[in-house]
Amino acid sequence: MSFTSVVTDELLALPIGKTCCRKALICGMLYCSVESEAGYRAVFRSRAVAEEAERLLKSVFSASGTVSEYMAGSHRKYRLDYTSKAMGNILFDLDSDNGEGIEKIIGIRCVSCIQLFLRGVFLSSMSVTEPSNSYHMEISIPRSAEVRAEKLSAMFAEHIAEIGRVTRGKNIGLYYKGNSKISDALCFVGGAKSGFYYANISIENDIRNNENRATNCVARNISRSVDAAMKHIEAIKKLQYDHCFENLSEDLRYTATLRLENPDATLSELALMHETPLSKSGLNKRLRLILEAAGENDK
């Protein structure tokens, strides 16, 4: 089962509540309707959602509709063909570029109405990826309903967060990519379980990514330490080979001997091995002088 189906099942099982909220829900479910020979047509991914839309259409608007199944490529979809003067008038006003927002056109009366309207949009037109794979949620709206897309985008921006927009063939996609925005959107429309799951998975992914970054950082540091140690050892051996080792000061010879005897020690460990422990900067200064001595021997 896809994560979209999981979210759909959770939202569909939620109680609806007041009459005004029932109207908001069906308006959301039929928000992407287009005109057809019979009147209007809405398309759904789930038979259960299509049948719930048919039921609400009848109870809220006393309108009739018929659900039928068809194949769109390899995907099974369900269309609701219906006739409703009241819903038709709402769709006409939604398509009018008159400056009126969704709330006024469909008659939003309470905060729950806003949540139920967006829940209806989610049920009919939303797809969301499994968070362990990627973070993407998108609502698909017919390009013929561009004004509706703009009004819906404004509603998301006001109540959840700014939403992205992309054109895909005959559709307009409104999308969120950030895991926190998707989680907030799911929780806002009532999908608390799915929203928290999304948030938890994203946290686990972030922890895993941070652990990988930390591991890579440690590996790079170890590599740099090994390279530096080899450089020091090669310089010391060169001084010995050229019979210049004894020309070093007693302190430098002592540090050089410790470095040869402990090739795998980090600088911090090597600094503490001295009879009088050195600071890391003090040890670096001695090693730099040894490198310079080996370099001067090249001249």
C-alpha atoms as a PDB file:
ATOM      1  CA  MET A   1       0.000   0.000   0.000  1.00  0.00           C
ATOM      2  CA  SER A   2       1.342   3.432  -0.943  1.00  0.00           C
ATOM      3  CA  PHE A   3       1.764   6.155   1.663  1.00  0.00           C
ATOM      4  CA  THR A   4      -0.854   8.196  -0.226  1.00  0.00           C
ATOM      5  CA  SER A   5      -3.326   5.357   0.409  1.00  0.00           C
ATOM      6  CA  VAL A   6      -2.377   5.261   4.089  1.00  0.00           C
ATOM      7  CA  VAL A   7      -3.047   8.996   4.442  1.00  0.00           C
ATOM      8  CA  THR A   8      -6.292   8.698   2.452  1.00  0.00           C
ATOM      9  CA  ASP A   9      -7.592   5.893   4.689  1.00  0.00           C
ATOM     10  CA  GLU A  10      -6.786   7.895   7.825  1.00  0.00           C
ATOM     11  CA  LEU A  11      -8.512  11.056   6.563  1.00  0.00           C
ATOM     12  CA  LEU A  12     -11.533   9.161   5.282  1.00  0.00           C
ATOM     13  CA  ALA A  13     -12.115   7.557   8.686  1.00  0.00           C
ATOM     14  CA  LEU A  14     -12.263  10.883  10.558  1.00  0.00           C
ATOM     15  CA  PRO A  15     -15.617  12.213  11.814  1.00  0.00           C
ATOM     16  CA  ILE A  16     -17.042  15.172   9.904  1.00  0.00           C
ATOM     17  CA  GLY A  17     -19.052  17.112  12.466  1.00  0.00           C
ATOM     18  CA  LYS A  18     -21.279  20.130  11.746  1.00  0.00           C
ATOM     19  CA  THR A  19     -23.357  20.754   8.640  1.00  0.00           C
ATOM     20  CA  CYS A  20     -21.138  23.652   7.539  1.00  0.00           C
ATOM     21  CA  CYS A  21     -18.101  21.362   7.786  1.00  0.00           C
ATOM     22  CA  ARG A  22     -19.824  18.707   5.693  1.00  0.00           C
ATOM     23  CA  LYS A  23     -20.393  21.302   2.979  1.00  0.00           C
ATOM     24  CA  ALA A  24     -16.746  22.410   3.201  1.00  0.00           C
ATOM     25  CA  LEU A  25     -15.577  18.805   2.886  1.00  0.00           C
ATOM     26  CA  ILE A  26     -17.587  18.029  -0.251  1.00  0.00           C
ATOM     27  CA  CYS A  27     -16.553  21.343  -1.817  1.00  0.00           C
ATOM     28  CA  GLY A  28     -12.937  20.297  -1.260  1.00  0.00           C
ATOM     29  CA  MET A  29     -13.530  16.835  -2.674  1.00  0.00           C
ATOM     30  CA  LEU A  30     -15.142  18.312  -5.818  1.00  0.00           C
ATOM     31  CA  TYR A  31     -12.734  21.271  -6.080  1.00  0.00           C
ATOM     32  CA  CYS A  32     -11.006  19.831  -9.150  1.00  0.00           C
ATOM     33  CA  SER A  33     -14.220  18.968 -10.991  1.00  0.00           C
ATOM     34  CA  VAL A  34     -14.432  19.709 -14.714  1.00  0.00           C
ATOM     35  CA  GLU A  35     -17.460  20.122 -16.949  1.00  0.00           C
ATOM     36  CA  SER A  36     -18.735  17.002 -18.720  1.00  0.00           C
ATOM     37  CA  GLU A  37     -21.652  15.994 -20.932  1.00  0.00           C
ATOM     38  CA  ALA A  38     -23.679  14.984 -17.889  1.00  0.00           C
ATOM     39  CA  GLY A  39     -22.799  18.123 -15.959  1.00  0.00           C
ATOM     40  CA  TYR A  40     -19.575  17.779 -13.972  1.00  0.00           C
ATOM     41  CA  ARG A  41     -16.969  15.105 -13.372  1.00  0.00           C
ATOM     42  CA  ALA A  42     -14.516  14.555 -10.522  1.00  0.00           C
ATOM     43  CA  VAL A  43     -11.773  11.922 -10.622  1.00  0.00           C
ATOM     44  CA  PHE A  44     -10.456  10.011  -7.607  1.00  0.00           C
ATOM     45  CA  ARG A  45      -7.735   7.441  -6.939  1.00  0.00           C
ATOM     46  CA  SER A  46      -9.875   5.565  -4.418  1.00  0.00           C
ATOM     47  CA  ARG A  47     -13.302   3.997  -4.836  1.00  0.00           C
ATOM     48  CA  ALA A  48     -14.023   4.660  -1.157  1.00  0.00           C
ATOM     49  CA  VAL A  49     -13.339   8.387  -1.620  1.00  0.00           C
ATOM     50  CA  ALA A  50     -15.462   8.540  -4.790  1.00  0.00           C
ATOM     51  CA  GLU A  51     -18.369   6.812  -3.016  1.00  0.00           C
ATOM     52  CA  GLU A  52     -18.043   9.112   0.004  1.00  0.00           C
ATOM     53  CA  ALA A  53     -18.131  12.114  -2.347  1.00  0.00           C
ATOM     54  CA  GLU A  54     -21.281  10.719  -3.958  1.00  0.00           C
ATOM     55  CA  ARG A  55     -22.901  10.275  -0.540  1.00  0.00           C
ATOM     56  CA  LEU A  56     -22.011  13.781   0.646  1.00  0.00           C
ATOM     57  CA  LEU A  57     -23.111  15.313  -2.649  1.00  0.00           C
ATOM     58  CA  LYS A  58     -26.541  13.812  -2.118  1.00  0.00           C
ATOM     59  CA  SER A  59     -26.835  14.728   1.576  1.00  0.00           C
ATOM     60  CA  VAL A  60     -25.474  18.300   1.289  1.00  0.00           C
ATOM     61  CA  PHE A  61     -26.756  19.415  -2.127  1.00  0.00           C
ATOM     62  CA  SER A  62     -29.522  16.846  -2.745  1.00  0.00           C
ATOM     63  CA  ALA A  63     -27.758  16.102  -6.040  1.00  0.00           C
ATOM     64  CA  SER A  64     -27.319  12.824  -7.870  1.00  0.00           C
ATOM     65  CA  GLY A  65     -24.085  11.267  -9.065  1.00  0.00           C
ATOM     66  CA  THR A  66     -22.733   8.034 -10.479  1.00  0.00           C
ATOM     67  CA  VAL A  67     -19.379   6.403  -9.681  1.00  0.00           C
ATOM     68  CA  SER A  68     -17.634   4.407 -12.414  1.00  0.00           C
ATOM     69  CA  GLU A  69     -14.272   2.713 -12.698  1.00  0.00           C
ATOM     70  CA  TYR A  70     -11.762   3.112 -15.532  1.00  0.00           C
ATOM     71  CA  MET A  71      -8.081   2.577 -16.319  1.00  0.00           C
ATOM     72  CA  ALA A  72      -5.707   5.491 -16.868  1.00  0.00           C
ATOM     73  CA  GLY A  73      -2.642   3.722 -18.236  1.00  0.00           C
ATOM     74  CA  SER A  74      -1.713   1.194 -15.555  1.00  0.00           C
ATOM     75  CA  HIS A  75      -3.628   3.049 -12.820  1.00  0.00           C
ATOM     76  CA  ARG A  76      -7.175   2.278 -11.762  1.00  0.00           C
ATOM     77  CA  LYS A  77      -9.234   5.418 -11.182  1.00  0.00           C
ATOM     78  CA  TYR A  78     -12.807   6.304 -10.292  1.00  0.00           C
ATOM     79  CA  ARG A  79     -14.896   9.122 -11.700  1.00  0.00           C
ATOM     80  CA  LEU A  80     -17.970  10.695 -10.221  1.00  0.00           C
ATOM     81  CA  ASP A  81     -20.296  12.142 -12.826  1.00  0.00           C
ATOM     82  CA  TYR A  82     -22.866  14.408 -11.223  1.00  0.00           C
ATOM     83  CA  THR A  83     -25.331  17.198 -11.749  1.00  0.00           C
ATOM     84  CA  SER A  84     -25.696  19.917  -9.113  1.00  0.00           C
ATOM     85  CA  LYS A  85     -26.777  23.492  -9.703  1.00  0.00           C
ATOM     86  CA  ALA A  86     -25.476  24.562  -6.287  1.00  0.00           C
ATOM     87  CA  MET A  87     -22.032  22.995  -6.809  1.00  0.00           C
ATOM     88  CA  GLY A  88     -21.971  24.304 -10.365  1.00  0.00           C
ATOM     89  CA  ASN A  89     -22.508  27.846  -9.094  1.00  0.00           C
ATOM     90  CA  ILE A  90     -19.684  27.404  -6.584  1.00  0.00           C
ATOM     91  CA  LEU A  91     -17.309  26.145  -9.285  1.00  0.00           C
ATOM     92  CA  PHE A  92     -18.305  29.065 -11.537  1.00  0.00           C
ATOM     93  CA  ASP A  93     -17.489  31.565  -8.760  1.00  0.00           C
ATOM     94  CA  LEU A  94     -14.214  29.761  -7.977  1.00  0.00           C
ATOM     95  CA  ASP A  95     -13.204  30.106 -11.635  1.00  0.00           C
ATOM     96  CA  SER A  96     -14.048  33.822 -11.657  1.00  0.00           C
ATOM     97  CA  ASP A  97     -11.097  36.143 -11.210  1.00  0.00           C
ATOM     98  CA  ASN A  98     -13.115  38.503  -9.035  1.00  0.00           C
ATOM     99  CA  GLY A  99     -10.790  38.746  -6.056  1.00  0.00           C
ATOM    100  CA  GLU A 100     -13.001  36.613  -3.817  1.00  0.00           C
ATOM    101  CA  GLY A 101     -11.274  33.900  -1.839  1.00  0.00           C
ATOM    102  CA  ILE A 102     -12.368  30.315  -1.286  1.00  0.00           C
ATOM    103  CA  GLU A 103     -13.666  31.027   2.211  1.00  0.00           C
ATOM    104  CA  LYS A 104     -16.248  33.535   1.009  1.00  0.00           C
ATOM    105  CA  ILE A 105     -17.300  31.571  -2.075  1.00  0.00           C
ATOM    106  CA  ILE A 106     -18.057  28.268  -0.338  1.00  0.00           C
ATOM    107  CA  GLY A 107     -19.302  29.881   2.871  1.00  0.00           C
ATOM    108  CA  ILE A 108     -16.631  29.023   5.441  1.00  0.00           C
ATOM    109  CA  ARG A 109     -18.115  29.517   8.916  1.00  0.00           C
ATOM    110  CA  CYS A 110     -15.478  28.176  11.322  1.00  0.00           C
ATOM    111  CA  VAL A 111     -11.853  27.093  11.569  1.00  0.00           C
ATOM    112  CA  SER A 112     -12.942  23.471  11.259  1.00  0.00           C
ATOM    113  CA  CYS A 113     -14.538  24.298   7.904  1.00  0.00           C
ATOM    114  CA  ILE A 114     -11.140  25.366   6.567  1.00  0.00           C
ATOM    115  CA  GLN A 115      -9.553  22.143   7.794  1.00  0.00           C
ATOM    116  CA  LEU A 116     -12.391  20.042   6.345  1.00  0.00           C
ATOM    117  CA  PHE A 117     -12.232  21.831   2.987  1.00  0.00           C
ATOM    118  CA  LEU A 118      -8.495  21.189   2.664  1.00  0.00           C
ATOM    119  CA  ARG A 119      -9.072  17.610   3.843  1.00  0.00           C
ATOM    120  CA  GLY A 120     -11.461  17.189   0.945  1.00  0.00           C
ATOM    121  CA  VAL A 121      -8.858  18.533  -1.485  1.00  0.00           C
ATOM    122  CA  PHE A 122      -6.320  16.094  -0.034  1.00  0.00           C
ATOM    123  CA  LEU A 123      -8.703  13.157  -0.388  1.00  0.00           C
ATOM    124  CA  SER A 124      -9.421  13.895  -4.039  1.00  0.00           C
ATOM    125  CA  SER A 125      -6.180  15.278  -5.455  1.00  0.00           C
ATOM    126  CA  MET A 126      -3.218  14.703  -3.103  1.00  0.00           C
ATOM    127  CA  SER A 127      -0.250  12.371  -3.504  1.00  0.00           C
ATOM    128  CA  VAL A 128       2.558  12.072  -0.970  1.00  0.00           C
ATOM    129  CA  THR A 129       5.744  10.023  -1.049  1.00  0.00           C
ATOM    130  CA  GLU A 130       6.879   7.547   1.582  1.00  0.00           C
ATOM    131  CA  PRO A 131       9.173   9.731   3.760  1.00  0.00           C
ATOM    132  CA  SER A 132      11.900   7.079   3.919  1.00  0.00           C
ATOM    133  CA  ASN A 133      12.343   7.600   0.155  1.00  0.00           C
ATOM    134  CA  SER A 134      11.862  11.343  -0.359  1.00  0.00           C
ATOM    135  CA  TYR A 135       9.897  14.349   0.854  1.00  0.00           C
ATOM    136  CA  HIS A 136       7.256  15.390  -1.669  1.00  0.00           C
ATOM    137  CA  MET A 137       3.555  16.101  -1.451  1.00  0.00           C
ATOM    138  CA  GLU A 138       1.587  17.387  -4.433  1.00  0.00           C
ATOM    139  CA  ILE A 139      -1.966  18.376  -5.258  1.00  0.00           C
ATOM    140  CA  SER A 140      -2.894  18.075  -8.923  1.00  0.00           C
ATOM    141  CA  ILE A 141      -5.370  20.553 -10.430  1.00  0.00           C
ATOM    142  CA  PRO A 142      -6.514  20.711 -14.082  1.00  0.00           C
ATOM    143  CA  ARG A 143      -4.857  23.533 -16.034  1.00  0.00           C
ATOM    144  CA  SER A 144      -8.343  24.614 -17.089  1.00  0.00           C
ATOM    145  CA  ALA A 145      -8.910  25.524 -13.420  1.00  0.00           C
ATOM    146  CA  GLU A 146      -5.898  27.840 -13.124  1.00  0.00           C
ATOM    147  CA  VAL A 147      -7.797  30.462 -11.101  1.00  0.00           C
ATOM    148  CA  ARG A 148      -8.776  27.727  -8.633  1.00  0.00           C
ATOM    149  CA  ALA A 149      -5.103  26.759  -8.365  1.00  0.00           C
ATOM    150  CA  GLU A 150      -4.179  30.357  -7.510  1.00  0.00           C
ATOM    151  CA  LYS A 151      -6.907  30.630  -4.873  1.00  0.00           C
ATOM    152  CA  LEU A 152      -5.932  27.306  -3.325  1.00  0.00           C
ATOM    153  CA  SER A 153      -2.277  28.347  -3.276  1.00  0.00           C
ATOM    154  CA  ALA A 154      -3.233  31.509  -1.365  1.00  0.00           C
ATOM    155  CA  MET A 155      -5.205  29.428   1.134  1.00  0.00           C
ATOM    156  CA  PHE A 156      -2.243  27.131   1.789  1.00  0.00           C
ATOM    157  CA  ALA A 157       0.031  30.138   2.251  1.00  0.00           C
ATOM    158  CA  GLU A 158      -2.357  31.681   4.778  1.00  0.00           C
ATOM    159  CA  HIS A 159      -3.081  28.619   6.882  1.00  0.00           C
ATOM    160  CA  ILE A 160      -0.054  26.295   6.473  1.00  0.00           C
ATOM    161  CA  ALA A 161       2.926  27.611   4.460  1.00  0.00           C
ATOM    162  CA  GLU A 162       3.875  28.984   1.054  1.00  0.00           C
ATOM    163  CA  ILE A 163       3.447  26.232  -1.515  1.00  0.00           C
ATOM    164  CA  GLY A 164       5.382  25.607  -4.729  1.00  0.00           C
ATOM    165  CA  ARG A 165       3.846  25.384  -8.167  1.00  0.00           C
ATOM    166  CA  VAL A 166       4.746  23.392 -11.286  1.00  0.00           C
ATOM    167  CA  THR A 167       3.015  22.632 -14.596  1.00  0.00           C
ATOM    168  CA  ARG A 168       2.813  18.950 -15.553  1.00  0.00           C
ATOM    169  CA  GLY A 169       1.136  18.389 -18.929  1.00  0.00           C
ATOM    170  CA  LYS A 170      -2.577  19.101 -18.533  1.00  0.00           C
ATOM    171  CA  ASN A 171      -2.286  19.670 -14.782  1.00  0.00           C
ATOM    172  CA  ILE A 172      -0.941  22.219 -12.327  1.00  0.00           C
ATOM    173  CA  GLY A 173       0.882  20.786  -9.333  1.00  0.00           C
ATOM    174  CA  LEU A 174       0.945  22.558  -5.976  1.00  0.00           C
ATOM    175  CA  TYR A 175       3.650  20.947  -3.870  1.00  0.00           C
ATOM    176  CA  TYR A 176       5.599  20.890  -0.624  1.00  0.00           C
ATOM    177  CA  LYS A 177       9.089  19.389  -0.449  1.00  0.00           C
ATOM    178  CA  GLY A 178      10.211  20.198   3.083  1.00  0.00           C
ATOM    179  CA  ASN A 179       9.471  17.420   5.586  1.00  0.00           C
ATOM    180  CA  SER A 180       8.252  19.874   8.242  1.00  0.00           C
ATOM    181  CA  LYS A 181       5.816  21.544   5.816  1.00  0.00           C
ATOM    182  CA  ILE A 182       4.399  18.197   4.722  1.00  0.00           C
ATOM    183  CA  SER A 183       4.033  17.064   8.324  1.00  0.00           C
ATOM    184  CA  ASP A 184       2.315  20.351   9.242  1.00  0.00           C
ATOM    185  CA  ALA A 185      -0.045  20.048   6.259  1.00  0.00           C
ATOM    186  CA  LEU A 186      -1.023  16.478   7.129  1.00  0.00           C
ATOM    187  CA  CYS A 187      -1.666  17.374  10.763  1.00  0.00           C
ATOM    188  CA  PHE A 188      -3.661  20.485   9.784  1.00  0.00           C
ATOM    189  CA  VAL A 189      -6.195  18.478   7.781  1.00  0.00           C
ATOM    190  CA  GLY A 190      -6.564  15.898  10.545  1.00  0.00           C
ATOM    191  CA  GLY A 191      -3.973  13.298   9.549  1.00  0.00           C
ATOM    192  CA  ALA A 192      -2.131  13.473  12.865  1.00  0.00           C
ATOM    193  CA  LYS A 193      -0.927   9.856  12.760  1.00  0.00           C
ATOM    194  CA  SER A 194       0.487  10.249   9.240  1.00  0.00           C
ATOM    195  CA  GLY A 195       1.920  13.666  10.070  1.00  0.00           C
ATOM    196  CA  PHE A 196       3.733  12.416  13.171  1.00  0.00           C
ATOM    197  CA  TYR A 197       4.967   9.365  11.273  1.00  0.00           C
ATOM    198  CA  TYR A 198       6.331  11.669   8.572  1.00  0.00           C
ATOM    199  CA  ALA A 199       8.032  13.852  11.185  1.00  0.00           C
ATOM    200  CA  ASN A 200       9.546  10.844  13.004  1.00  0.00           C
ATOM    201  CA  ILE A 201      10.911   9.312   9.800  1.00  0.00           C
ATOM    202  CA  SER A 202      12.434  12.626   8.764  1.00  0.00           C
ATOM    203  CA  ILE A 203      14.065  12.940  12.219  1.00  0.00           C
ATOM    204  CA  GLU A 204      15.493   9.420  11.884  1.00  0.00           C
ATOM    205  CA  ASN A 205      16.799  10.298   8.410  1.00  0.00           C
ATOM    206  CA  ASP A 206      18.379  13.480   9.740  1.00  0.00           C
ATOM    207  CA  ILE A 207      20.045  11.578  12.593  1.00  0.00           C
ATOM    208  CA  ARG A 208      21.338   8.962  10.152  1.00  0.00           C
ATOM    209  CA  ASN A 209      22.651  11.652   7.806  1.00  0.00           C
ATOM    210  CA  ASN A 210      24.323  13.467  10.696  1.00  0.00           C
ATOM    211  CA  GLU A 211      25.937  10.214  11.809  1.00  0.00           C
ATOM    212  CA  ASN A 212      27.224   9.612   8.280  1.00  0.00           C
ATOM    213  CA  ARG A 213      28.577  13.151   8.092  1.00  0.00           C
ATOM    214  CA  ALA A 214      30.242  12.716  11.480  1.00  0.00           C
ATOM    215  CA  THR A 215      31.747   9.387  10.390  1.00  0.00           C
ATOM    216  CA  ASN A 216      33.054  10.931   7.185  1.00  0.00           C
ATOM    217  CA  CYS A 217      34.463  13.846   9.138  1.00  0.00           C
ATOM    218  CA  VAL A 218      36.261  11.493  11.540  1.00  0.00           C
ATOM    219  CA  ALA A 219      37.597   9.495   8.596  1.00  0.00           C
ATOM    220  CA  ARG A 220      38.929  12.658   6.952  1.00  0.00           C
ATOM    221  CA  ASN A 221      40.545  13.753  10.201  1.00  0.00           C
ATOM    222  CA  ILE A 222      42.173  10.347  10.636  1.00  0.00           C
ATOM    223  CA  SER A 223      43.430  10.469   7.064  1.00  0.00           C
ATOM    224  CA  ARG A 224      44.907  13.922   7.615  1.00  0.00           C
ATOM    225  CA  SER A 225      46.516  12.784  10.878  1.00  0.00           C
ATOM    226  CA  VAL A 226      48.058   9.730   9.196  1.00  0.00           C
ATOM    227  CA  ASP A 227      49.370  11.839   6.315  1.00  0.00           C
ATOM    228  CA  ALA A 228      50.896  14.329   8.742  1.00  0.00           C
ATOM    229  CA  ALA A 229      52.469  11.574  10.848  1.00  0.00           C
ATOM    230  CA  MET A 230      54.011   9.936   7.757  1.00  0.00           C
ATOM    231  CA  LYS A 231      55.406  13.283   6.684  1.00  0.00           C
ATOM    232  CA  HIS A 232      57.032  13.768  10.097  1.00  0.00           C
ATOM    233  CA  ILE A 233      58.443  10.232  10.146  1.00  0.00           C
ATOM    234  CA  GLU A 234      59.887  10.573   6.646  1.00  0.00           C
ATOM    235  CA  ALA A 235      61.554  13.849   7.650  1.00  0.00           C
ATOM    236  CA  ILE A 236      63.050  12.290  10.796  1.00  0.00           C
ATOM    237  CA  LYS A 237      64.333   9.259   8.904  1.00  0.00           C
ATOM    238  CA  LYS A 238      65.844  11.553   6.303  1.00  0.00           C
ATOM    239  CA  LEU A 239      67.694  13.465   8.998  1.00  0.00           C
ATOM    240  CA  GLN A 240      69.008  10.164  10.396  1.00  0.00           C
ATOM    241  CA  TYR A 241      70.052   8.952   6.952  1.00  0.00           C
ATOM    242  CA  ASP A 242      71.919  12.199   6.285  1.00  0.00           C
ATOM    243  CA  HIS A 243      73.566  12.041   9.723  1.00  0.00           C
ATOM    244  CA  CYS A 244      71.906  15.330  10.688  1.00  0.00           C
ATOM    245  CA  PHE A 245      69.686  13.979  13.426  1.00  0.00           C
ATOM    246  CA  GLU A 246      72.267  14.753  16.127  1.00  0.00           C
ATOM    247  CA  ASN A 247      72.340  18.366  15.007  1.00  0.00           C
ATOM    248  CA  LEU A 248      68.826  18.813  16.366  1.00  0.00           C
ATOM    249  CA  SER A 249      68.348  20.237  19.854  1.00  0.00           C
ATOM    250  CA  GLU A 250      67.755  17.799  22.681  1.00  0.00           C
ATOM    251  CA  ASP A 251      64.050  18.721  22.829  1.00  0.00           C
ATOM    252  CA  LEU A 252      63.593  18.139  19.107  1.00  0.00           C
ATOM    253  CA  ARG A 253      65.447  14.797  19.234  1.00  0.00           C
ATOM    254  CA  TYR A 254      63.233  13.690  22.119  1.00  0.00           C
ATOM    255  CA  THR A 255      60.043  14.608  20.228  1.00  0.00           C
ATOM    256  CA  ALA A 256      61.351  12.989  17.037  1.00  0.00           C
ATOM    257  CA  THR A 257      62.121   9.746  18.884  1.00  0.00           C
ATOM    258  CA  LEU A 258      58.622   9.657  20.391  1.00  0.00           C
ATOM    259  CA  ARG A 259      57.157  10.187  16.937  1.00  0.00           C
ATOM    260  CA  LEU A 260      59.162   7.284  15.494  1.00  0.00           C
ATOM    261  CA  GLU A 261      58.187   5.007  18.371  1.00  0.00           C
ATOM    262  CA  ASN A 262      54.490   5.924  18.173  1.00  0.00           C
ATOM    263  CA  PRO A 263      53.606   6.321  14.482  1.00  0.00           C
ATOM    264  CA  ASP A 264      49.876   5.809  15.075  1.00  0.00           C
ATOM    265  CA  ALA A 265      49.504   8.297  17.926  1.00  0.00           C
ATOM    266  CA  THR A 266      47.462  11.429  17.358  1.00  0.00           C
ATOM    267  CA  LEU A 267      49.039  14.796  18.032  1.00  0.00           C
ATOM    268  CA  SER A 268      47.098  15.091  21.284  1.00  0.00           C
ATOM    269  CA  GLU A 269      48.288  11.664  22.403  1.00  0.00           C
ATOM    270  CA  LEU A 270      51.863  12.405  21.359  1.00  0.00           C
ATOM    271  CA  ALA A 271      51.852  15.696  23.266  1.00  0.00           C
ATOM    272  CA  LEU A 272      50.854  13.886  26.472  1.00  0.00           C
ATOM    273  CA  MET A 273      53.598  11.251  26.049  1.00  0.00           C
ATOM    274  CA  HIS A 274      56.336  13.766  26.804  1.00  0.00           C
ATOM    275  CA  GLU A 275      57.813  13.629  30.314  1.00  0.00           C
ATOM    276  CA  THR A 276      56.595  17.176  30.708  1.00  0.00           C
ATOM    277  CA  PRO A 277      53.394  17.089  28.640  1.00  0.00           C
ATOM    278  CA  LEU A 278      53.276  19.629  25.843  1.00  0.00           C
ATOM    279  CA  SER A 279      50.386  21.636  24.564  1.00  0.00           C
ATOM    280  CA  LYS A 280      49.224  20.728  21.080  1.00  0.00           C
ATOM    281  CA  SER A 281      50.541  24.040  19.766  1.00  0.00           C
ATOM    282  CA  GLY A 282      53.891  23.393  21.458  1.00  0.00           C
ATOM    283  CA  LEU A 283      54.145  19.986  19.817  1.00  0.00           C
ATOM    284  CA  ASN A 284      53.206  21.440  16.433  1.00  0.00           C
ATOM    285  CA  LYS A 285      55.990  23.979  16.787  1.00  0.00           C
ATOM    286  CA  ARG A 286      58.578  21.258  17.453  1.00  0.00           C
ATOM    287  CA  LEU A 287      57.374  19.142  14.525  1.00  0.00           C
ATOM    288  CA  ARG A 288      57.482  22.156  12.259  1.00  0.00           C
ATOM    289  CA  LEU A 289      61.112  22.813  13.262  1.00  0.00           C
ATOM    290  CA  ILE A 290      61.956  19.180  12.482  1.00  0.00           C
ATOM    291  CA  LEU A 291      60.386  19.505   9.029  1.00  0.00           C
ATOM    292  CA  GLU A 292      62.315  22.721   8.452  1.00  0.00           C
ATOM    293  CA  ALA A 293      65.533  21.022   9.485  1.00  0.00           C
ATOM    294  CA  ALA A 294      64.911  18.217   6.991  1.00  0.00           C
ATOM    295  CA  GLY A 295      64.118  20.806   4.346  1.00  0.00           C
ATOM    296  CA  GLU A 296      67.257  22.792   5.036  1.00  0.00           C
ATOM    297  CA  ASN A 297      69.206  19.570   4.657  1.00  0.00           C
ATOM    298  CA  ASP A 298      67.902  19.354   1.081  1.00  0.00           C
ATOM    299  CA  LYS A 299      69.630  22.583   0.161  1.00  0.00           C
END
